[in-house]
């Protein structure tokens, strides 16, 4: 149980499901409740799949490609920075019909890198290394599922928050979310640079 709560709390803080609500509302503005619900579970499934994939094969893939963890963290930070700039400028708030037809926001940026970002991926890979018994492996698996469910619930009921906030409130939260995401993105890149400097 101790290992479960350690994994669950760590991943929950990193993925920050409540923090994705303003981003989700901004990216899905103008869509129906049914479409938002569909994107919510798709994003949760994508995040779950990415985390599980890296938990099982992450180390092997990175070793085969010769990619270090700081490089993955830096790349994720740059992707997150692009998303934050879209939210700050309002570009992501009103996607065109052509963009909505060709790009599924449940995959990028919601599923990854917002939910299953570098932090969640790296943390999961580290927990996999620590899981030495069958009970710990089971606890790790249950914790990952629980975090995915929490992310789904946060986005699934985001439209209720939308009704309370109205469009103006969503617009304000979208800008604030963009600012916070840009700060997180810069911090990820800075951490990656510091890691490379230490290695050098």
N, C-alpha and C. Protein backbone atom coordinates (compact mmCIF):
# COMPACT_ATOMS: atom_id res chain seq x y z
N UNK A 1 0.83 -1.21 0.00
CA UNK A 1 0.00 0.00 0.00
C UNK A 1 0.87 1.27 0.00
N UNK A 2 1.98 1.21 0.74
CA UNK A 2 2.86 2.38 0.80
C UNK A 2 3.41 2.72 -0.58
N UNK A 3 3.83 1.68 -1.31
CA UNK A 3 4.37 1.91 -2.65
C UNK A 3 3.28 2.42 -3.58
N UNK A 4 2.07 1.89 -3.44
CA UNK A 4 0.94 2.34 -4.27
C UNK A 4 0.69 3.83 -4.07
N UNK A 5 0.59 4.26 -2.81
CA UNK A 5 0.30 5.66 -2.55
C UNK A 5 1.45 6.57 -3.00
N UNK A 6 2.66 6.07 -2.88
CA UNK A 6 3.81 6.85 -3.34
C UNK A 6 3.74 7.08 -4.85
N UNK A 7 3.45 6.01 -5.59
CA UNK A 7 3.34 6.11 -7.04
C UNK A 7 2.13 6.96 -7.43
N UNK A 8 0.99 6.71 -6.79
CA UNK A 8 -0.25 7.40 -7.14
C UNK A 8 -0.12 8.90 -6.90
N UNK A 9 0.35 9.27 -5.72
CA UNK A 9 0.45 10.70 -5.39
C UNK A 9 1.47 11.39 -6.30
N UNK A 10 2.59 10.74 -6.55
CA UNK A 10 3.62 11.33 -7.41
C UNK A 10 3.09 11.58 -8.82
N UNK A 11 2.49 10.55 -9.41
CA UNK A 11 1.96 10.70 -10.78
C UNK A 11 0.79 11.66 -10.83
N UNK A 12 -0.02 11.68 -9.77
CA UNK A 12 -1.17 12.58 -9.76
C UNK A 12 -0.71 14.03 -9.73
N UNK A 13 0.32 14.31 -8.94
CA UNK A 13 0.85 15.68 -8.88
C UNK A 13 1.49 16.08 -10.20
N UNK A 14 2.20 15.15 -10.82
CA UNK A 14 2.89 15.46 -12.08
C UNK A 14 1.88 15.67 -13.21
N UNK A 15 0.92 14.75 -13.35
CA UNK A 15 -0.06 14.87 -14.43
C UNK A 15 -1.04 16.01 -14.17
N UNK A 16 -1.33 16.28 -12.89
CA UNK A 16 -2.19 17.40 -12.50
C UNK A 16 -3.50 17.43 -13.28
N UNK A 17 -4.39 16.43 -13.08
CA UNK A 17 -5.67 16.41 -13.80
C UNK A 17 -6.50 17.68 -13.65
N UNK A 18 -6.63 18.26 -12.43
CA UNK A 18 -7.39 19.51 -12.34
C UNK A 18 -6.78 20.64 -13.17
N UNK A 19 -5.46 20.64 -13.27
CA UNK A 19 -4.80 21.69 -14.04
C UNK A 19 -5.04 21.58 -15.53
N UNK A 20 -5.47 20.41 -16.00
CA UNK A 20 -5.74 20.24 -17.42
C UNK A 20 -7.12 20.73 -17.82
N UNK A 21 -7.97 21.00 -16.82
CA UNK A 21 -9.35 21.42 -17.12
C UNK A 21 -9.39 22.71 -17.95
N UNK A 22 -8.69 23.79 -17.54
CA UNK A 22 -8.73 25.00 -18.38
C UNK A 22 -8.17 24.76 -19.78
N UNK A 23 -7.12 23.94 -19.87
CA UNK A 23 -6.54 23.64 -21.18
C UNK A 23 -7.55 22.86 -22.02
N UNK A 24 -8.20 21.89 -21.39
CA UNK A 24 -9.20 21.08 -22.10
C UNK A 24 -10.35 21.94 -22.59
N UNK A 25 -10.80 22.85 -21.74
CA UNK A 25 -11.89 23.74 -22.14
C UNK A 25 -11.47 24.66 -23.28
N UNK A 26 -10.23 25.13 -23.22
CA UNK A 26 -9.76 26.02 -24.28
C UNK A 26 -9.63 25.31 -25.61
N UNK A 27 -9.12 24.08 -25.59
CA UNK A 27 -8.89 23.33 -26.82
C UNK A 27 -10.18 22.76 -27.41
N UNK A 28 -11.22 22.60 -26.57
CA UNK A 28 -12.47 22.00 -27.05
C UNK A 28 -13.60 23.02 -27.09
N UNK A 29 -13.25 24.27 -27.06
CA UNK A 29 -14.27 25.32 -27.09
C UNK A 29 -15.08 25.23 -28.37
N UNK A 30 -16.40 25.32 -28.23
CA UNK A 30 -17.28 25.26 -29.39
C UNK A 30 -17.78 23.86 -29.71
N UNK A 31 -17.24 22.86 -29.05
CA UNK A 31 -17.68 21.48 -29.29
C UNK A 31 -18.86 21.14 -28.40
N UNK A 32 -19.61 20.13 -28.79
CA UNK A 32 -20.76 19.69 -28.00
C UNK A 32 -20.29 18.89 -26.79
N UNK A 33 -21.20 18.68 -25.83
CA UNK A 33 -20.85 17.90 -24.63
C UNK A 33 -20.48 16.47 -25.00
N UNK A 34 -21.15 15.92 -26.00
CA UNK A 34 -20.85 14.55 -26.42
C UNK A 34 -19.45 14.46 -27.01
N UNK A 35 -19.08 15.45 -27.82
CA UNK A 35 -17.73 15.45 -28.41
C UNK A 35 -16.66 15.64 -27.35
N UNK A 36 -16.94 16.48 -26.37
CA UNK A 36 -15.98 16.70 -25.29
C UNK A 36 -15.79 15.41 -24.47
N UNK A 37 -16.91 14.73 -24.21
CA UNK A 37 -16.82 13.48 -23.45
C UNK A 37 -15.98 12.45 -24.19
N UNK A 38 -16.15 12.40 -25.51
CA UNK A 38 -15.38 11.47 -26.33
C UNK A 38 -13.89 11.81 -26.28
N UNK A 39 -13.57 13.10 -26.40
CA UNK A 39 -12.17 13.51 -26.34
C UNK A 39 -11.58 13.27 -24.96
N UNK A 40 -12.40 13.38 -23.91
CA UNK A 40 -11.92 13.18 -22.55
C UNK A 40 -11.43 11.75 -22.35
N UNK A 41 -12.26 10.77 -22.75
CA UNK A 41 -11.81 9.39 -22.54
C UNK A 41 -10.70 9.01 -23.50
N UNK A 42 -10.70 9.59 -24.69
CA UNK A 42 -9.61 9.32 -25.63
C UNK A 42 -8.28 9.84 -25.07
N UNK A 43 -8.30 11.05 -24.50
CA UNK A 43 -7.07 11.62 -23.94
C UNK A 43 -6.57 10.79 -22.77
N UNK A 44 -7.50 10.33 -21.92
CA UNK A 44 -7.10 9.50 -20.78
C UNK A 44 -6.51 8.18 -21.25
N UNK A 45 -7.12 7.58 -22.27
CA UNK A 45 -6.61 6.31 -22.80
C UNK A 45 -5.24 6.50 -23.43
N UNK A 46 -5.07 7.59 -24.18
CA UNK A 46 -3.78 7.87 -24.81
C UNK A 46 -2.70 8.06 -23.74
N UNK A 47 -3.01 8.84 -22.72
CA UNK A 47 -2.04 9.06 -21.63
C UNK A 47 -1.69 7.75 -20.95
N UNK A 48 -2.70 6.93 -20.68
CA UNK A 48 -2.47 5.63 -20.05
C UNK A 48 -1.59 4.75 -20.93
N UNK A 49 -1.90 4.72 -22.22
CA UNK A 49 -1.13 3.89 -23.15
C UNK A 49 0.32 4.33 -23.26
N UNK A 50 0.55 5.64 -23.31
CA UNK A 50 1.92 6.15 -23.42
C UNK A 50 2.72 5.81 -22.17
N UNK A 51 2.12 6.01 -20.99
CA UNK A 51 2.82 5.73 -19.74
C UNK A 51 3.14 4.25 -19.62
N UNK A 52 2.16 3.40 -19.96
CA UNK A 52 2.39 1.95 -19.88
C UNK A 52 3.46 1.51 -20.87
N UNK A 53 3.42 2.08 -22.08
CA UNK A 53 4.41 1.72 -23.10
C UNK A 53 5.83 2.05 -22.63
N UNK A 54 6.00 3.24 -22.05
CA UNK A 54 7.33 3.62 -21.57
C UNK A 54 7.71 2.82 -20.32
N UNK A 55 6.72 2.44 -19.52
CA UNK A 55 7.01 1.63 -18.35
C UNK A 55 7.56 0.27 -18.76
N UNK A 56 7.03 -0.28 -19.85
CA UNK A 56 7.43 -1.61 -20.31
C UNK A 56 8.69 -1.57 -21.17
N UNK A 57 8.75 -0.58 -22.07
CA UNK A 57 9.81 -0.60 -23.08
C UNK A 57 10.67 0.66 -23.11
N UNK A 58 10.41 1.61 -22.19
CA UNK A 58 11.09 2.90 -22.25
C UNK A 58 12.59 2.83 -22.21
N UNK A 59 13.12 2.15 -21.22
CA UNK A 59 14.57 2.05 -21.08
C UNK A 59 15.21 1.38 -22.29
N UNK A 60 14.58 0.32 -22.76
CA UNK A 60 15.14 -0.41 -23.89
C UNK A 60 15.15 0.45 -25.16
N UNK A 61 14.05 1.17 -25.39
CA UNK A 61 13.95 2.01 -26.59
C UNK A 61 14.98 3.14 -26.55
N UNK A 62 15.07 3.82 -25.40
CA UNK A 62 16.01 4.93 -25.28
C UNK A 62 17.45 4.45 -25.41
N UNK A 63 17.74 3.29 -24.81
CA UNK A 63 19.10 2.74 -24.92
C UNK A 63 19.43 2.36 -26.35
N UNK A 64 18.46 1.79 -27.06
CA UNK A 64 18.68 1.39 -28.45
C UNK A 64 18.92 2.61 -29.34
N UNK A 65 18.18 3.68 -29.08
CA UNK A 65 18.33 4.89 -29.89
C UNK A 65 19.48 5.77 -29.43
N UNK A 66 20.04 5.45 -28.28
CA UNK A 66 21.11 6.28 -27.74
C UNK A 66 20.62 7.61 -27.20
N UNK A 67 19.36 7.65 -26.76
CA UNK A 67 18.76 8.88 -26.25
C UNK A 67 18.78 8.85 -24.73
N UNK A 68 19.22 9.94 -24.12
CA UNK A 68 19.25 10.03 -22.67
C UNK A 68 17.96 10.65 -22.15
N UNK A 69 17.65 10.41 -20.89
CA UNK A 69 16.43 10.94 -20.28
C UNK A 69 16.37 12.47 -20.33
N UNK A 70 17.47 13.20 -20.10
CA UNK A 70 17.40 14.66 -20.21
C UNK A 70 16.96 15.14 -21.60
N UNK A 71 17.35 14.40 -22.64
CA UNK A 71 16.94 14.77 -23.99
C UNK A 71 15.43 14.64 -24.15
N UNK A 72 14.88 13.58 -23.58
CA UNK A 72 13.43 13.38 -23.62
C UNK A 72 12.72 14.49 -22.87
N UNK A 73 13.28 14.88 -21.73
CA UNK A 73 12.70 15.94 -20.93
C UNK A 73 12.74 17.28 -21.67
N UNK A 74 13.86 17.56 -22.33
CA UNK A 74 13.97 18.80 -23.09
C UNK A 74 13.01 18.86 -24.25
N UNK A 75 12.86 17.75 -24.97
CA UNK A 75 11.93 17.70 -26.09
C UNK A 75 10.50 17.92 -25.62
N UNK A 76 10.14 17.29 -24.52
CA UNK A 76 8.79 17.47 -23.97
C UNK A 76 8.55 18.91 -23.55
N UNK A 77 9.57 19.56 -23.00
CA UNK A 77 9.45 20.95 -22.60
C UNK A 77 9.20 21.87 -23.80
N UNK A 78 9.88 21.60 -24.91
CA UNK A 78 9.68 22.41 -26.11
C UNK A 78 8.28 22.22 -26.68
N UNK A 79 7.79 20.99 -26.68
CA UNK A 79 6.43 20.72 -27.15
C UNK A 79 5.41 21.45 -26.28
N UNK A 80 5.62 21.39 -24.97
CA UNK A 80 4.71 22.05 -24.04
C UNK A 80 4.75 23.57 -24.22
N UNK A 81 5.91 24.10 -24.57
CA UNK A 81 6.04 25.54 -24.81
C UNK A 81 5.21 25.97 -26.02
N UNK A 82 5.22 25.15 -27.07
CA UNK A 82 4.40 25.45 -28.24
C UNK A 82 2.92 25.49 -27.89
N UNK A 83 2.49 24.53 -27.08
CA UNK A 83 1.09 24.48 -26.66
C UNK A 83 0.73 25.71 -25.83
N UNK A 84 1.62 26.10 -24.92
CA UNK A 84 1.34 27.25 -24.06
C UNK A 84 1.25 28.54 -24.87
N UNK A 85 2.08 28.67 -25.91
CA UNK A 85 2.02 29.86 -26.76
C UNK A 85 0.71 29.92 -27.52
N UNK A 86 0.20 28.76 -27.95
CA UNK A 86 -1.10 28.72 -28.63
C UNK A 86 -2.22 29.16 -27.69
N UNK A 87 -2.14 28.74 -26.44
CA UNK A 87 -3.17 29.13 -25.48
C UNK A 87 -3.07 30.62 -25.14
N UNK A 88 -1.86 31.14 -25.04
CA UNK A 88 -1.68 32.54 -24.70
C UNK A 88 -2.14 33.47 -25.82
N UNK A 89 -1.91 33.07 -27.06
CA UNK A 89 -2.30 33.90 -28.20
C UNK A 89 -3.74 33.67 -28.63
N UNK A 90 -4.37 32.63 -28.08
CA UNK A 90 -5.76 32.35 -28.43
C UNK A 90 -5.91 31.52 -29.67
N UNK A 91 -4.82 31.08 -30.27
CA UNK A 91 -4.91 30.29 -31.50
C UNK A 91 -5.60 28.95 -31.27
N UNK A 92 -5.33 28.34 -30.10
CA UNK A 92 -5.90 27.03 -29.82
C UNK A 92 -7.34 27.13 -29.34
N UNK A 93 -7.78 28.33 -28.99
CA UNK A 93 -9.14 28.46 -28.45
C UNK A 93 -10.19 28.31 -29.53
N UNK A 94 -9.85 28.66 -30.76
CA UNK A 94 -10.82 28.58 -31.84
C UNK A 94 -10.20 27.89 -33.06
N UNK A 95 -10.04 26.56 -32.99
CA UNK A 95 -9.47 25.83 -34.11
C UNK A 95 -10.40 25.85 -35.31
N UNK A 96 -9.84 25.86 -36.49
CA UNK A 96 -10.65 25.87 -37.70
C UNK A 96 -11.27 24.50 -37.91
N UNK A 97 -12.28 24.44 -38.78
CA UNK A 97 -12.93 23.17 -39.06
C UNK A 97 -11.95 22.19 -39.70
N UNK A 98 -11.06 22.70 -40.53
CA UNK A 98 -10.08 21.82 -41.17
C UNK A 98 -9.13 21.23 -40.15
N UNK A 99 -8.70 22.05 -39.18
CA UNK A 99 -7.81 21.55 -38.12
C UNK A 99 -8.51 20.50 -37.27
N UNK A 100 -9.77 20.73 -36.93
CA UNK A 100 -10.49 19.78 -36.11
C UNK A 100 -10.71 18.47 -36.85
N UNK A 101 -10.78 18.55 -38.19
CA UNK A 101 -11.01 17.35 -38.98
C UNK A 101 -9.74 16.52 -39.13
N UNK A 102 -8.59 17.17 -39.06
CA UNK A 102 -7.33 16.46 -39.31
C UNK A 102 -6.52 16.21 -38.04
N UNK A 103 -6.77 16.98 -36.97
CA UNK A 103 -5.99 16.84 -35.75
C UNK A 103 -6.91 16.50 -34.59
N UNK A 104 -6.57 15.47 -33.86
CA UNK A 104 -7.32 15.09 -32.67
C UNK A 104 -6.57 15.59 -31.44
N UNK A 105 -7.14 16.60 -30.76
CA UNK A 105 -6.46 17.19 -29.60
C UNK A 105 -6.37 16.23 -28.44
N UNK A 106 -7.13 15.12 -28.48
CA UNK A 106 -7.05 14.13 -27.41
C UNK A 106 -5.69 13.44 -27.42
N UNK A 107 -5.09 13.33 -28.60
CA UNK A 107 -3.77 12.70 -28.72
C UNK A 107 -2.68 13.71 -28.39
N UNK A 108 -2.68 14.84 -29.10
CA UNK A 108 -1.72 15.92 -28.88
C UNK A 108 -2.50 17.22 -28.90
N UNK A 109 -2.44 18.04 -27.87
CA UNK A 109 -1.50 17.97 -26.73
C UNK A 109 -2.06 17.36 -25.45
N UNK A 110 -3.37 16.96 -25.42
CA UNK A 110 -3.95 16.52 -24.16
C UNK A 110 -3.33 15.21 -23.64
N UNK A 111 -3.43 14.15 -24.46
CA UNK A 111 -2.88 12.87 -24.02
C UNK A 111 -1.41 12.95 -23.73
N UNK A 112 -0.70 13.56 -24.66
CA UNK A 112 0.73 13.82 -24.49
C UNK A 112 1.07 15.10 -25.27
N UNK A 113 1.81 16.03 -24.70
CA UNK A 113 2.61 15.89 -23.47
C UNK A 113 1.96 16.43 -22.19
N UNK A 114 0.68 16.87 -22.22
CA UNK A 114 0.11 17.47 -21.03
C UNK A 114 -0.08 16.46 -19.90
N UNK A 115 -0.71 15.32 -20.20
CA UNK A 115 -0.92 14.29 -19.18
C UNK A 115 0.28 13.36 -19.10
N UNK A 116 0.55 12.68 -20.19
CA UNK A 116 1.71 11.77 -20.22
C UNK A 116 2.91 12.52 -20.75
N UNK A 117 3.40 13.45 -19.95
CA UNK A 117 4.55 14.25 -20.35
C UNK A 117 5.86 13.64 -19.87
N UNK A 118 6.95 14.36 -20.07
CA UNK A 118 8.27 13.85 -19.67
C UNK A 118 8.35 13.49 -18.19
N UNK A 119 7.73 14.34 -17.35
CA UNK A 119 7.78 14.08 -15.92
C UNK A 119 7.12 12.76 -15.55
N UNK A 120 5.92 12.53 -16.08
CA UNK A 120 5.19 11.30 -15.78
C UNK A 120 5.92 10.08 -16.35
N UNK A 121 6.47 10.24 -17.54
CA UNK A 121 7.18 9.13 -18.19
C UNK A 121 8.43 8.76 -17.41
N UNK A 122 9.23 9.77 -17.08
CA UNK A 122 10.47 9.51 -16.35
C UNK A 122 10.18 8.94 -14.96
N UNK A 123 9.18 9.52 -14.27
CA UNK A 123 8.83 9.02 -12.93
C UNK A 123 8.38 7.57 -12.99
N UNK A 124 7.58 7.24 -14.00
CA UNK A 124 7.11 5.86 -14.13
C UNK A 124 8.27 4.91 -14.39
N UNK A 125 9.19 5.32 -15.24
CA UNK A 125 10.35 4.47 -15.54
C UNK A 125 11.20 4.25 -14.29
N UNK A 126 11.30 5.27 -13.44
CA UNK A 126 12.06 5.13 -12.20
C UNK A 126 11.36 4.20 -11.22
N UNK A 127 10.02 4.30 -11.15
CA UNK A 127 9.25 3.41 -10.27
C UNK A 127 9.33 1.96 -10.75
N UNK A 128 9.39 1.77 -12.05
CA UNK A 128 9.53 0.41 -12.59
C UNK A 128 10.84 -0.21 -12.12
N UNK A 129 11.89 0.59 -12.09
CA UNK A 129 13.18 0.09 -11.62
C UNK A 129 13.13 -0.30 -10.15
N UNK A 130 12.31 0.42 -9.37
CA UNK A 130 12.23 0.14 -7.93
C UNK A 130 11.31 -1.04 -7.60
N UNK A 131 10.39 -1.36 -8.51
CA UNK A 131 9.43 -2.44 -8.24
C UNK A 131 10.13 -3.79 -8.37
N UNK A 132 10.43 -4.39 -7.22
CA UNK A 132 11.19 -5.63 -7.20
C UNK A 132 10.36 -6.86 -6.85
N UNK A 133 9.13 -6.65 -6.36
CA UNK A 133 8.28 -7.77 -6.00
C UNK A 133 6.99 -7.74 -6.81
N UNK A 134 6.28 -8.86 -6.81
CA UNK A 134 5.02 -8.93 -7.53
C UNK A 134 3.98 -7.96 -6.99
N UNK A 135 3.98 -7.78 -5.67
CA UNK A 135 3.04 -6.84 -5.05
C UNK A 135 3.31 -5.41 -5.47
N UNK A 136 4.58 -5.04 -5.57
CA UNK A 136 4.93 -3.69 -6.00
C UNK A 136 4.57 -3.45 -7.45
N UNK A 137 4.76 -4.46 -8.29
CA UNK A 137 4.39 -4.34 -9.69
C UNK A 137 2.89 -4.15 -9.82
N UNK A 138 2.11 -4.92 -9.04
CA UNK A 138 0.65 -4.78 -9.05
C UNK A 138 0.24 -3.40 -8.56
N UNK A 139 0.88 -2.93 -7.49
CA UNK A 139 0.57 -1.61 -6.96
C UNK A 139 0.87 -0.52 -7.98
N UNK A 140 1.97 -0.67 -8.71
CA UNK A 140 2.34 0.29 -9.75
C UNK A 140 1.29 0.31 -10.85
N UNK A 141 0.84 -0.86 -11.27
CA UNK A 141 -0.16 -0.95 -12.34
C UNK A 141 -1.48 -0.31 -11.90
N UNK A 142 -1.92 -0.60 -10.67
CA UNK A 142 -3.18 -0.04 -10.17
C UNK A 142 -3.08 1.48 -10.04
N UNK A 143 -1.92 1.96 -9.60
CA UNK A 143 -1.73 3.40 -9.46
C UNK A 143 -1.81 4.11 -10.80
N UNK A 144 -1.22 3.52 -11.83
CA UNK A 144 -1.28 4.13 -13.16
C UNK A 144 -2.71 4.18 -13.66
N UNK A 145 -3.47 3.10 -13.45
CA UNK A 145 -4.88 3.08 -13.85
C UNK A 145 -5.67 4.14 -13.09
N UNK A 146 -5.41 4.27 -11.79
CA UNK A 146 -6.13 5.24 -10.96
C UNK A 146 -5.86 6.67 -11.42
N UNK A 147 -4.64 6.96 -11.80
CA UNK A 147 -4.29 8.31 -12.28
C UNK A 147 -4.99 8.59 -13.61
N UNK A 148 -5.05 7.58 -14.48
CA UNK A 148 -5.74 7.75 -15.77
C UNK A 148 -7.23 8.02 -15.54
N UNK A 149 -7.83 7.32 -14.58
CA UNK A 149 -9.24 7.54 -14.26
C UNK A 149 -9.45 8.94 -13.71
N UNK A 150 -8.55 9.41 -12.85
CA UNK A 150 -8.65 10.76 -12.31
C UNK A 150 -8.57 11.81 -13.41
N UNK A 151 -7.69 11.58 -14.39
CA UNK A 151 -7.57 12.51 -15.52
C UNK A 151 -8.85 12.52 -16.34
N UNK A 152 -9.43 11.32 -16.55
CA UNK A 152 -10.67 11.23 -17.32
C UNK A 152 -11.80 11.97 -16.62
N UNK A 153 -11.92 11.79 -15.30
CA UNK A 153 -12.99 12.44 -14.55
C UNK A 153 -12.86 13.96 -14.60
N UNK A 154 -11.62 14.45 -14.51
CA UNK A 154 -11.40 15.89 -14.53
C UNK A 154 -11.85 16.49 -15.86
N UNK A 155 -11.55 15.79 -16.97
CA UNK A 155 -11.93 16.31 -18.28
C UNK A 155 -13.39 15.99 -18.61
N UNK A 156 -13.87 14.86 -18.12
CA UNK A 156 -15.25 14.45 -18.42
C UNK A 156 -16.26 15.47 -17.90
N UNK A 157 -15.99 16.01 -16.72
CA UNK A 157 -16.91 16.96 -16.11
C UNK A 157 -16.45 18.40 -16.27
N UNK A 158 -15.55 18.62 -17.21
CA UNK A 158 -15.08 19.99 -17.46
C UNK A 158 -16.20 20.88 -17.99
N UNK A 159 -17.14 20.27 -18.72
CA UNK A 159 -18.23 21.08 -19.29
C UNK A 159 -19.13 21.65 -18.20
N UNK A 160 -19.21 20.98 -17.04
CA UNK A 160 -19.97 21.52 -15.91
C UNK A 160 -19.32 22.80 -15.42
N UNK A 161 -17.99 22.77 -15.35
CA UNK A 161 -17.25 23.97 -14.95
C UNK A 161 -17.46 25.07 -15.99
N UNK A 162 -17.54 24.66 -17.27
CA UNK A 162 -17.75 25.64 -18.35
C UNK A 162 -19.08 26.37 -18.17
N UNK A 163 -20.10 25.62 -17.77
CA UNK A 163 -21.41 26.26 -17.57
C UNK A 163 -21.37 27.29 -16.45
N UNK A 164 -20.56 27.00 -15.44
CA UNK A 164 -20.45 27.91 -14.30
C UNK A 164 -19.63 29.14 -14.66
N UNK A 165 -18.53 28.93 -15.39
CA UNK A 165 -17.60 30.02 -15.69
C UNK A 165 -18.05 30.90 -16.85
N UNK A 166 -18.83 30.36 -17.77
CA UNK A 166 -19.21 31.00 -19.04
C UNK A 166 -17.98 31.16 -19.93
N UNK A 167 -18.17 31.65 -21.13
CA UNK A 167 -17.08 31.78 -22.10
C UNK A 167 -15.98 32.72 -21.61
N UNK A 168 -16.39 33.82 -20.96
CA UNK A 168 -15.39 34.78 -20.49
C UNK A 168 -14.49 34.17 -19.44
N UNK A 169 -15.06 33.40 -18.53
CA UNK A 169 -14.26 32.75 -17.50
C UNK A 169 -13.30 31.73 -18.09
N UNK A 170 -13.79 30.97 -19.08
CA UNK A 170 -12.94 29.98 -19.74
C UNK A 170 -11.78 30.66 -20.46
N UNK A 171 -12.09 31.80 -21.10
CA UNK A 171 -11.05 32.55 -21.80
C UNK A 171 -9.95 33.00 -20.84
N UNK A 172 -10.37 33.48 -19.68
CA UNK A 172 -9.40 33.93 -18.68
C UNK A 172 -8.55 32.76 -18.17
N UNK A 173 -9.21 31.65 -17.83
CA UNK A 173 -8.48 30.49 -17.34
C UNK A 173 -7.54 29.91 -18.40
N UNK A 174 -7.96 30.00 -19.66
CA UNK A 174 -7.12 29.51 -20.74
C UNK A 174 -5.81 30.30 -20.82
N UNK A 175 -5.92 31.63 -20.68
CA UNK A 175 -4.72 32.46 -20.71
C UNK A 175 -3.82 32.16 -19.51
N UNK A 176 -4.43 32.00 -18.33
CA UNK A 176 -3.66 31.69 -17.13
C UNK A 176 -2.98 30.34 -17.28
N UNK A 177 -3.73 29.37 -17.82
CA UNK A 177 -3.15 28.03 -18.04
C UNK A 177 -1.98 28.10 -19.00
N UNK A 178 -2.11 28.91 -20.03
CA UNK A 178 -1.01 29.08 -20.99
C UNK A 178 0.22 29.65 -20.33
N UNK A 179 0.03 30.63 -19.44
CA UNK A 179 1.16 31.22 -18.73
C UNK A 179 1.85 30.20 -17.82
N UNK A 180 1.05 29.44 -17.08
CA UNK A 180 1.61 28.43 -16.19
C UNK A 180 2.31 27.33 -16.97
N UNK A 181 1.72 26.93 -18.09
CA UNK A 181 2.33 25.88 -18.92
C UNK A 181 3.66 26.35 -19.50
N UNK A 182 3.73 27.62 -19.87
CA UNK A 182 4.99 28.14 -20.41
C UNK A 182 6.09 28.10 -19.34
N UNK A 183 5.72 28.42 -18.10
CA UNK A 183 6.70 28.36 -17.01
C UNK A 183 7.17 26.93 -16.78
N UNK A 184 6.23 25.98 -16.81
CA UNK A 184 6.59 24.57 -16.63
C UNK A 184 7.49 24.11 -17.77
N UNK A 185 7.17 24.53 -18.99
CA UNK A 185 7.96 24.14 -20.15
C UNK A 185 9.39 24.65 -20.04
N UNK A 186 9.55 25.91 -19.65
CA UNK A 186 10.88 26.49 -19.50
C UNK A 186 11.66 25.75 -18.41
N UNK A 187 10.97 25.39 -17.32
CA UNK A 187 11.63 24.66 -16.24
C UNK A 187 12.10 23.29 -16.71
N UNK A 188 11.29 22.60 -17.52
CA UNK A 188 11.69 21.30 -18.05
C UNK A 188 12.93 21.41 -18.92
N UNK A 189 12.95 22.42 -19.77
CA UNK A 189 14.11 22.62 -20.63
C UNK A 189 15.34 22.97 -19.79
N UNK A 190 15.15 23.81 -18.78
CA UNK A 190 16.28 24.20 -17.91
C UNK A 190 16.83 22.99 -17.17
N UNK A 191 15.95 22.12 -16.69
CA UNK A 191 16.40 20.91 -16.00
C UNK A 191 17.19 20.00 -16.95
N UNK A 192 16.73 19.92 -18.18
CA UNK A 192 17.44 19.09 -19.16
C UNK A 192 18.83 19.67 -19.44
N UNK A 193 18.92 20.99 -19.56
CA UNK A 193 20.21 21.63 -19.82
C UNK A 193 21.16 21.40 -18.65
N UNK A 194 20.64 21.56 -17.42
CA UNK A 194 21.48 21.33 -16.24
C UNK A 194 21.98 19.89 -16.17
N UNK A 195 21.12 18.95 -16.56
CA UNK A 195 21.52 17.54 -16.55
C UNK A 195 22.63 17.29 -17.55
N UNK A 196 22.54 17.90 -18.73
CA UNK A 196 23.57 17.74 -19.74
C UNK A 196 24.89 18.38 -19.29
N UNK A 197 24.78 19.54 -18.62
CA UNK A 197 25.98 20.21 -18.14
C UNK A 197 26.70 19.36 -17.08
N UNK A 198 25.93 18.76 -16.20
CA UNK A 198 26.53 17.91 -15.15
C UNK A 198 27.22 16.69 -15.78
N UNK A 199 26.59 16.15 -16.82
CA UNK A 199 27.19 14.99 -17.49
C UNK A 199 28.46 15.37 -18.22
N UNK A 200 28.49 16.62 -18.73
CA UNK A 200 29.67 17.07 -19.46
C UNK A 200 30.82 17.39 -18.53
